[in-house]
Amino acid sequence: CRDGFDEATREGLSHHRSSYLPLRFDCVRDDGSVYSSN
């Protein structure tokens, strides 16, 4: 969730969620917004 992302994207990063079906590794910010790590 940190590597390869700018500071504005990582701002407020609180935790992550992962899933194997469907595949995903999502990064969650304090405000509830989500971005994909890949």
All heavy atoms as atom14 arrays in JSON, in Angstrom:
{
  "sequence": "CRDGFDEATREGLSHHRSSYLPLRFDCVRDDGSVYSSN",
  "atom14_mask": [
    [1, 1, 1, 1, 1, 1, 0, 0, 0, 0, 0, 0, 0, 0],
    [1, 1, 1, 1, 1, 1, 1, 1, 1, 1, 1, 0, 0, 0],
    [1, 1, 1, 1, 1, 1, 1, 1, 0, 0, 0, 0, 0, 0],
    [1, 1, 1, 1, 0, 0, 0, 0, 0, 0, 0, 0, 0, 0],
    [1, 1, 1, 1, 1, 1, 1, 1, 1, 1, 1, 0, 0, 0],
    [1, 1, 1, 1, 1, 1, 1, 1, 0, 0, 0, 0, 0, 0],
    [1, 1, 1, 1, 1, 1, 1, 1, 1, 0, 0, 0, 0, 0],
    [1, 1, 1, 1, 1, 0, 0, 0, 0, 0, 0, 0, 0, 0],
    [1, 1, 1, 1, 1, 1, 1, 0, 0, 0, 0, 0, 0, 0],
    [1, 1, 1, 1, 1, 1, 1, 1, 1, 1, 1, 0, 0, 0],
    [1, 1, 1, 1, 1, 1, 1, 1, 1, 0, 0, 0, 0, 0],
    [1, 1, 1, 1, 0, 0, 0, 0, 0, 0, 0, 0, 0, 0],
    [1, 1, 1, 1, 1, 1, 1, 1, 0, 0, 0, 0, 0, 0],
    [1, 1, 1, 1, 1, 1, 0, 0, 0, 0, 0, 0, 0, 0],
    [1, 1, 1, 1, 1, 1, 1, 1, 1, 1, 0, 0, 0, 0],
    [1, 1, 1, 1, 1, 1, 1, 1, 1, 1, 0, 0, 0, 0],
    [1, 1, 1, 1, 1, 1, 1, 1, 1, 1, 1, 0, 0, 0],
    [1, 1, 1, 1, 1, 1, 0, 0, 0, 0, 0, 0, 0, 0],
    [1, 1, 1, 1, 1, 1, 0, 0, 0, 0, 0, 0, 0, 0],
    [1, 1, 1, 1, 1, 1, 1, 1, 1, 1, 1, 1, 0, 0],
    [1, 1, 1, 1, 1, 1, 1, 1, 0, 0, 0, 0, 0, 0],
    [1, 1, 1, 1, 1, 1, 1, 0, 0, 0, 0, 0, 0, 0],
    [1, 1, 1, 1, 1, 1, 1, 1, 0, 0, 0, 0, 0, 0],
    [1, 1, 1, 1, 1, 1, 1, 1, 1, 1, 1, 0, 0, 0],
    [1, 1, 1, 1, 1, 1, 1, 1, 1, 1, 1, 0, 0, 0],
    [1, 1, 1, 1, 1, 1, 1, 1, 0, 0, 0, 0, 0, 0],
    [1, 1, 1, 1, 1, 1, 0, 0, 0, 0, 0, 0, 0, 0],
    [1, 1, 1, 1, 1, 1, 1, 0, 0, 0, 0, 0, 0, 0],
    [1, 1, 1, 1, 1, 1, 1, 1, 1, 1, 1, 0, 0, 0],
    [1, 1, 1, 1, 1, 1, 1, 1, 0, 0, 0, 0, 0, 0],
    [1, 1, 1, 1, 1, 1, 1, 1, 0, 0, 0, 0, 0, 0],
    [1, 1, 1, 1, 0, 0, 0, 0, 0, 0, 0, 0, 0, 0],
    [1, 1, 1, 1, 1, 1, 0, 0, 0, 0, 0, 0, 0, 0],
    [1, 1, 1, 1, 1, 1, 1, 0, 0, 0, 0, 0, 0, 0],
    [1, 1, 1, 1, 1, 1, 1, 1, 1, 1, 1, 1, 0, 0],
    [1, 1, 1, 1, 1, 1, 0, 0, 0, 0, 0, 0, 0, 0],
    [1, 1, 1, 1, 1, 1, 0, 0, 0, 0, 0, 0, 0, 0],
    [1, 1, 1, 1, 1, 1, 1, 1, 0, 0, 0, 0, 0, 0]
  ],
  "atom14_positions": [
    [[0.82, -1.22, 0.0], [0.0, 0.0, 0.0], [0.85, 1.26, 0.0], [0.33, 2.35, -0.26], [-0.93, 0.01, 1.21], [-2.2, -1.25, 1.17], [0.0, 0.0, 0.0], [0.0, 0.0, 0.0], [0.0, 0.0, 0.0], [0.0, 0.0, 0.0], [0.0, 0.0, 0.0], [0.0, 0.0, 0.0], [0.0, 0.0, 0.0], [0.0, 0.0, 0.0]],
    [[2.13, 1.15, 0.32], [3.0, 2.32, 0.41], [3.94, 2.43, -0.78], [4.13, 3.52, -1.32], [3.85, 2.25, 1.68], [3.07, 2.42, 2.94], [3.96, 2.32, 4.14], [4.46, 0.94, 4.24], [5.7, 0.62, 4.58], [6.58, 1.53, 4.85], [6.07, -0.64, 4.65], [0.0, 0.0, 0.0], [0.0, 0.0, 0.0], [0.0, 0.0, 0.0]],
    [[4.55, 1.35, -1.18], [5.59, 1.37, -2.2], [5.01, 1.72, -3.56], [4.06, 1.11, -4.04], [6.29, 0.01, -2.28], [6.98, -0.36, -0.97], [7.18, 0.54, -0.13], [7.3, -1.55, -0.79], [0.0, 0.0, 0.0], [0.0, 0.0, 0.0], [0.0, 0.0, 0.0], [0.0, 0.0, 0.0], [0.0, 0.0, 0.0], [0.0, 0.0, 0.0]],
    [[5.6, 2.73, -4.18], [5.19, 3.13, -5.51], [4.04, 4.13, -5.57], [3.59, 4.48, -6.65], [0.0, 0.0, 0.0], [0.0, 0.0, 0.0], [0.0, 0.0, 0.0], [0.0, 0.0, 0.0], [0.0, 0.0, 0.0], [0.0, 0.0, 0.0], [0.0, 0.0, 0.0], [0.0, 0.0, 0.0], [0.0, 0.0, 0.0], [0.0, 0.0, 0.0]],
    [[3.56, 4.57, -4.42], [2.46, 5.54, -4.38], [2.98, 6.87, -3.83], [3.83, 6.89, -2.95], [1.31, 5.04, -3.5], [0.62, 3.83, -4.06], [0.91, 2.56, -3.58], [-0.3, 3.95, -5.09], [0.29, 1.44, -4.09], [-0.93, 2.83, -5.61], [-0.63, 1.58, -5.11], [0.0, 0.0, 0.0], [0.0, 0.0, 0.0], [0.0, 0.0, 0.0]],
    [[2.42, 7.96, -4.33], [2.85, 9.28, -3.84], [2.24, 9.54, -2.46], [1.34, 8.83, -2.0], [2.49, 10.38, -4.82], [1.0, 10.48, -5.09], [0.23, 9.73, -4.47], [0.62, 11.32, -5.92], [0.0, 0.0, 0.0], [0.0, 0.0, 0.0], [0.0, 0.0, 0.0], [0.0, 0.0, 0.0], [0.0, 0.0, 0.0], [0.0, 0.0, 0.0]],
    [[2.75, 10.56, -1.81], [2.32, 10.89, -0.44], [0.84, 11.22, -0.37], [0.16, 10.86, 0.59], [3.16, 12.05, 0.1], [2.89, 12.38, 1.56], [3.19, 11.22, 2.49], [4.17, 10.5, 2.27], [2.42, 11.03, 3.47], [0.0, 0.0, 0.0], [0.0, 0.0, 0.0], [0.0, 0.0, 0.0], [0.0, 0.0, 0.0], [0.0, 0.0, 0.0]],
    [[0.31, 11.9, -1.38], [-1.11, 12.26, -1.37], [-2.0, 11.01, -1.41], [-3.05, 10.97, -0.76], [-1.44, 13.15, -2.57], [0.0, 0.0, 0.0], [0.0, 0.0, 0.0], [0.0, 0.0, 0.0], [0.0, 0.0, 0.0], [0.0, 0.0, 0.0], [0.0, 0.0, 0.0], [0.0, 0.0, 0.0], [0.0, 0.0, 0.0], [0.0, 0.0, 0.0]],
    [[-1.59, 10.01, -2.14], [-2.36, 8.76, -2.2], [-2.31, 8.02, -0.88], [-3.31, 7.5, -0.4], [-1.82, 7.86, -3.33], [-1.87, 8.57, -4.56], [-2.63, 6.59, -3.46], [0.0, 0.0, 0.0], [0.0, 0.0, 0.0], [0.0, 0.0, 0.0], [0.0, 0.0, 0.0], [0.0, 0.0, 0.0], [0.0, 0.0, 0.0], [0.0, 0.0, 0.0]],
    [[-1.14, 7.99, -0.26], [-0.96, 7.25, 1.0], [-1.49, 7.98, 2.21], [-1.61, 7.39, 3.28], [0.52, 6.97, 1.22], [1.13, 6.06, 0.21], [2.55, 5.76, 0.56], [3.29, 6.97, 0.93], [4.48, 7.29, 0.49], [5.11, 6.52, -0.32], [5.08, 8.4, 0.89], [0.0, 0.0, 0.0], [0.0, 0.0, 0.0], [0.0, 0.0, 0.0]],
    [[-1.85, 9.23, 2.06], [-2.28, 10.04, 3.2], [-3.51, 9.44, 3.87], [-4.5, 9.12, 3.22], [-2.59, 11.47, 2.75], [-2.84, 12.41, 3.91], [-2.98, 13.84, 3.42], [-2.3, 14.21, 2.45], [-3.76, 14.57, 4.03], [0.0, 0.0, 0.0], [0.0, 0.0, 0.0], [0.0, 0.0, 0.0], [0.0, 0.0, 0.0], [0.0, 0.0, 0.0]],
    [[-3.44, 9.25, 5.18], [-4.55, 8.7, 5.95], [-4.7, 7.2, 5.85], [-5.73, 6.65, 6.25], [0.0, 0.0, 0.0], [0.0, 0.0, 0.0], [0.0, 0.0, 0.0], [0.0, 0.0, 0.0], [0.0, 0.0, 0.0], [0.0, 0.0, 0.0], [0.0, 0.0, 0.0], [0.0, 0.0, 0.0], [0.0, 0.0, 0.0], [0.0, 0.0, 0.0]],
    [[-3.69, 6.51, 5.36], [-3.75, 5.06, 5.22], [-3.91, 4.4, 6.59], [-3.14, 4.67, 7.51], [-2.47, 4.56, 4.53], [-2.37, 3.08, 4.22], [-3.49, 2.66, 3.27], [-1.02, 2.79, 3.59], [0.0, 0.0, 0.0], [0.0, 0.0, 0.0], [0.0, 0.0, 0.0], [0.0, 0.0, 0.0], [0.0, 0.0, 0.0], [0.0, 0.0, 0.0]],
    [[-4.93, 3.58, 6.75], [-5.17, 2.98, 8.06], [-4.98, 1.47, 8.08], [-4.4, 0.93, 9.02], [-6.58, 3.32, 8.54], [-7.55, 2.74, 7.7], [0.0, 0.0, 0.0], [0.0, 0.0, 0.0], [0.0, 0.0, 0.0], [0.0, 0.0, 0.0], [0.0, 0.0, 0.0], [0.0, 0.0, 0.0], [0.0, 0.0, 0.0], [0.0, 0.0, 0.0]],
    [[-5.45, 0.77, 7.07], [-5.31, -0.69, 7.05], [-5.52, -1.19, 5.62], [-5.66, -0.4, 4.69], [-6.3, -1.36, 8.02], [-7.74, -1.15, 7.68], [-8.41, 0.03, 7.93], [-8.64, -1.97, 7.09], [-9.66, -0.08, 7.53], [-9.82, -1.28, 7.01], [0.0, 0.0, 0.0], [0.0, 0.0, 0.0], [0.0, 0.0, 0.0], [0.0, 0.0, 0.0]],
    [[-5.54, -2.5, 5.46], [-5.76, -3.09, 4.14], [-6.8, -4.21, 4.24], [-7.09, -4.71, 5.33], [-4.45, -3.64, 3.56], [-3.98, -4.88, 4.25], [-3.22, -4.83, 5.39], [-4.18, -6.19, 3.98], [-2.94, -6.06, 5.78], [-3.52, -6.91, 4.95], [0.0, 0.0, 0.0], [0.0, 0.0, 0.0], [0.0, 0.0, 0.0], [0.0, 0.0, 0.0]],
    [[-7.35, -4.57, 3.08], [-8.26, -5.72, 2.97], [-7.76, -6.56, 1.8], [-7.41, -6.02, 0.75], [-9.69, -5.27, 2.65], [-10.36, -4.51, 3.75], [-11.81, -4.26, 3.4], [-11.91, -3.49, 2.15], [-12.68, -2.43, 1.98], [-13.43, -1.99, 2.96], [-12.73, -1.81, 0.82], [0.0, 0.0, 0.0], [0.0, 0.0, 0.0], [0.0, 0.0, 0.0]],
    [[-7.77, -7.86, 1.99], [-7.35, -8.73, 0.89], [-8.42, -9.78, 0.64], [-9.23, -10.08, 1.51], [-6.01, -9.39, 1.21], [-6.13, -10.19, 2.36], [0.0, 0.0, 0.0], [0.0, 0.0, 0.0], [0.0, 0.0, 0.0], [0.0, 0.0, 0.0], [0.0, 0.0, 0.0], [0.0, 0.0, 0.0], [0.0, 0.0, 0.0], [0.0, 0.0, 0.0]],
    [[-8.39, -10.31, -0.57], [-9.35, -11.34, -0.97], [-8.67, -12.23, -1.99], [-7.88, -11.77, -2.81], [-10.6, -10.68, -1.57], [-11.43, -11.65, -2.14], [0.0, 0.0, 0.0], [0.0, 0.0, 0.0], [0.0, 0.0, 0.0], [0.0, 0.0, 0.0], [0.0, 0.0, 0.0], [0.0, 0.0, 0.0], [0.0, 0.0, 0.0], [0.0, 0.0, 0.0]],
    [[-9.01, -13.51, -1.93], [-8.45, -14.46, -2.88], [-9.43, -14.8, -4.0], [-9.04, -15.34, -5.02], [-8.01, -15.74, -2.16], [-6.97, -15.45, -1.12], [-7.26, -15.54, 0.23], [-5.7, -15.04, -1.49], [-6.3, -15.24, 1.19], [-4.74, -14.74, -0.54], [-5.05, -14.85, 0.79], [-4.1, -14.55, 1.73], [0.0, 0.0, 0.0], [0.0, 0.0, 0.0]],
    [[-10.7, -14.49, -3.81], [-11.7, -14.7, -4.85], [-12.75, -13.63, -4.71], [-13.6, -13.75, -3.83], [-12.32, -16.1, -4.75], [-13.08, -16.58, -5.96], [-12.19, -16.63, -7.18], [-13.68, -17.94, -5.72], [0.0, 0.0, 0.0], [0.0, 0.0, 0.0], [0.0, 0.0, 0.0], [0.0, 0.0, 0.0], [0.0, 0.0, 0.0], [0.0, 0.0, 0.0]],
    [[-12.77, -12.59, -5.45], [-11.81, -12.24, -6.49], [-10.49, -11.77, -5.88], [-10.44, -11.35, -4.72], [-12.5, -11.09, -7.23], [-13.37, -10.45, -6.2], [-13.82, -11.57, -5.31], [0.0, 0.0, 0.0], [0.0, 0.0, 0.0], [0.0, 0.0, 0.0], [0.0, 0.0, 0.0], [0.0, 0.0, 0.0], [0.0, 0.0, 0.0], [0.0, 0.0, 0.0]],
    [[-9.46, -11.81, -6.68], [-8.14, -11.39, -6.22], [-8.13, -9.89, -5.99], [-8.56, -9.11, -6.85], [-7.09, -11.73, -7.28], [-6.88, -13.2, -7.56], [-6.04, -13.37, -8.81], [-6.22, -13.87, -6.38], [0.0, 0.0, 0.0], [0.0, 0.0, 0.0], [0.0, 0.0, 0.0], [0.0, 0.0, 0.0], [0.0, 0.0, 0.0], [0.0, 0.0, 0.0]],
    [[-7.65, -9.49, -4.81], [-7.48, -8.06, -4.56], [-6.69, -7.86, -3.27], [-6.7, -8.71, -2.38], [-8.8, -7.33, -4.52], [-9.64, -7.59, -3.31], [-10.85, -6.67, -3.3], [-11.42, -6.69, -1.99], [-12.67, -6.99, -1.72], [-13.5, -7.26, -2.69], [-13.1, -6.97, -0.48], [0.0, 0.0, 0.0], [0.0, 0.0, 0.0], [0.0, 0.0, 0.0]],
    [[-6.03, -6.74, -3.22], [-5.34, -6.29, -2.01], [-5.59, -4.79, -1.97], [-4.9, -4.0, -2.63], [-3.84, -6.61, -2.08], [-3.15, -6.46, -0.76], [-3.12, -7.51, 0.13], [-2.53, -5.27, -0.41], [-2.49, -7.39, 1.36], [-1.89, -5.14, 0.81], [-1.87, -6.2, 1.69], [0.0, 0.0, 0.0], [0.0, 0.0, 0.0], [0.0, 0.0, 0.0]],
    [[-6.63, -4.39, -1.24], [-7.07, -3.0, -1.2], [-6.5, -2.29, 0.02], [-6.42, -2.86, 1.11], [-8.59, -2.92, -1.15], [-9.24, -3.41, -2.43], [-8.58, -3.37, -3.48], [-10.4, -3.85, -2.36], [0.0, 0.0, 0.0], [0.0, 0.0, 0.0], [0.0, 0.0, 0.0], [0.0, 0.0, 0.0], [0.0, 0.0, 0.0], [0.0, 0.0, 0.0]],
    [[-6.16, -1.04, -0.18], [-5.63, -0.19, 0.88], [-6.75, 0.77, 1.3], [-7.36, 1.42, 0.46], [-4.43, 0.59, 0.36], [-3.19, -0.49, -0.39], [0.0, 0.0, 0.0], [0.0, 0.0, 0.0], [0.0, 0.0, 0.0], [0.0, 0.0, 0.0], [0.0, 0.0, 0.0], [0.0, 0.0, 0.0], [0.0, 0.0, 0.0], [0.0, 0.0, 0.0]],
    [[-7.01, 0.84, 2.6], [-8.13, 1.63, 3.12], [-7.59, 2.82, 3.91], [-6.72, 2.67, 4.76], [-9.02, 0.75, 4.03], [-10.23, 1.53, 4.51], [-9.45, -0.52, 3.3], [0.0, 0.0, 0.0], [0.0, 0.0, 0.0], [0.0, 0.0, 0.0], [0.0, 0.0, 0.0], [0.0, 0.0, 0.0], [0.0, 0.0, 0.0], [0.0, 0.0, 0.0]],
    [[-8.15, 3.99, 3.61], [-7.78, 5.22, 4.32], [-8.73, 5.42, 5.51], [-9.78, 4.78, 5.61], [-7.87, 6.41, 3.38], [-6.89, 6.37, 2.25], [-6.99, 7.66, 1.42], [-6.23, 7.57, 0.21], [-6.77, 7.32, -0.99], [-8.06, 7.17, -1.13], [-6.0, 7.26, -2.06], [0.0, 0.0, 0.0], [0.0, 0.0, 0.0], [0.0, 0.0, 0.0]],
    [[-8.39, 6.36, 6.38], [-9.2, 6.67, 7.56], [-10.62, 7.1, 7.19], [-11.56, 6.8, 7.91], [-8.55, 7.79, 8.38], [-7.27, 7.33, 9.05], [-7.18, 6.14, 9.39], [-6.36, 8.17, 9.22], [0.0, 0.0, 0.0], [0.0, 0.0, 0.0], [0.0, 0.0, 0.0], [0.0, 0.0, 0.0], [0.0, 0.0, 0.0], [0.0, 0.0, 0.0]],
    [[-10.77, 7.79, 6.06], [-12.1, 8.26, 5.66], [-12.95, 7.18, 4.98], [-14.07, 7.42, 4.58], [-11.99, 9.48, 4.75], [-11.28, 9.18, 3.43], [-10.88, 8.02, 3.2], [-11.11, 10.14, 2.64], [0.0, 0.0, 0.0], [0.0, 0.0, 0.0], [0.0, 0.0, 0.0], [0.0, 0.0, 0.0], [0.0, 0.0, 0.0], [0.0, 0.0, 0.0]],
    [[-12.42, 5.97, 4.84], [-13.16, 4.86, 4.24], [-12.92, 4.68, 2.76], [-13.38, 3.7, 2.17], [0.0, 0.0, 0.0], [0.0, 0.0, 0.0], [0.0, 0.0, 0.0], [0.0, 0.0, 0.0], [0.0, 0.0, 0.0], [0.0, 0.0, 0.0], [0.0, 0.0, 0.0], [0.0, 0.0, 0.0], [0.0, 0.0, 0.0], [0.0, 0.0, 0.0]],
    [[-12.21, 5.62, 2.13], [-11.92, 5.47, 0.7], [-10.87, 4.37, 0.52], [-10.08, 4.08, 1.41], [-11.46, 6.79, 0.1], [-10.28, 7.23, 0.73], [0.0, 0.0, 0.0], [0.0, 0.0, 0.0], [0.0, 0.0, 0.0], [0.0, 0.0, 0.0], [0.0, 0.0, 0.0], [0.0, 0.0, 0.0], [0.0, 0.0, 0.0], [0.0, 0.0, 0.0]],
    [[-10.91, 3.76, -0.66], [-10.09, 2.59, -0.92], [-9.32, 2.79, -2.23], [-9.85, 3.37, -3.18], [-10.98, 1.33, -1.04], [-10.17, 0.11, -1.41], [-11.73, 1.09, 0.25], [0.0, 0.0, 0.0], [0.0, 0.0, 0.0], [0.0, 0.0, 0.0], [0.0, 0.0, 0.0], [0.0, 0.0, 0.0], [0.0, 0.0, 0.0], [0.0, 0.0, 0.0]],
    [[-8.1, 2.31, -2.28], [-7.37, 2.23, -3.55], [-6.69, 0.87, -3.62], [-6.35, 0.26, -2.62], [-6.38, 3.39, -3.72], [-5.23, 3.42, -2.74], [-4.01, 2.83, -3.05], [-5.35, 4.07, -1.51], [-2.95, 2.88, -2.17], [-4.3, 4.12, -0.63], [-3.1, 3.52, -0.96], [-2.06, 3.56, -0.08], [0.0, 0.0, 0.0], [0.0, 0.0, 0.0]],
    [[-6.54, 0.36, -4.84], [-5.93, -0.96, -5.04], [-4.42, -0.84, -5.0], [-3.83, 0.09, -5.54], [-6.37, -1.52, -6.39], [-5.74, -2.77, -6.62], [0.0, 0.0, 0.0], [0.0, 0.0, 0.0], [0.0, 0.0, 0.0], [0.0, 0.0, 0.0], [0.0, 0.0, 0.0], [0.0, 0.0, 0.0], [0.0, 0.0, 0.0], [0.0, 0.0, 0.0]],
    [[-3.81, -1.82, -4.35], [-2.35, -1.81, -4.29], [-1.73, -2.19, -5.63], [-0.59, -1.88, -5.9], [-1.86, -2.78, -3.22], [-2.15, -4.11, -3.59], [0.0, 0.0, 0.0], [0.0, 0.0, 0.0], [0.0, 0.0, 0.0], [0.0, 0.0, 0.0], [0.0, 0.0, 0.0], [0.0, 0.0, 0.0], [0.0, 0.0, 0.0], [0.0, 0.0, 0.0]],
    [[-2.51, -2.86, -6.47], [-2.01, -3.3, -7.77], [-3.18, -3.34, -8.76], [-4.06, -4.18, -8.63], [-1.38, -4.68, -7.65], [-0.68, -5.12, -8.91], [-0.85, -4.54, -9.97], [0.12, -6.16, -8.79], [0.0, 0.0, 0.0], [0.0, 0.0, 0.0], [0.0, 0.0, 0.0], [0.0, 0.0, 0.0], [0.0, 0.0, 0.0], [0.0, 0.0, 0.0]]
  ]
}
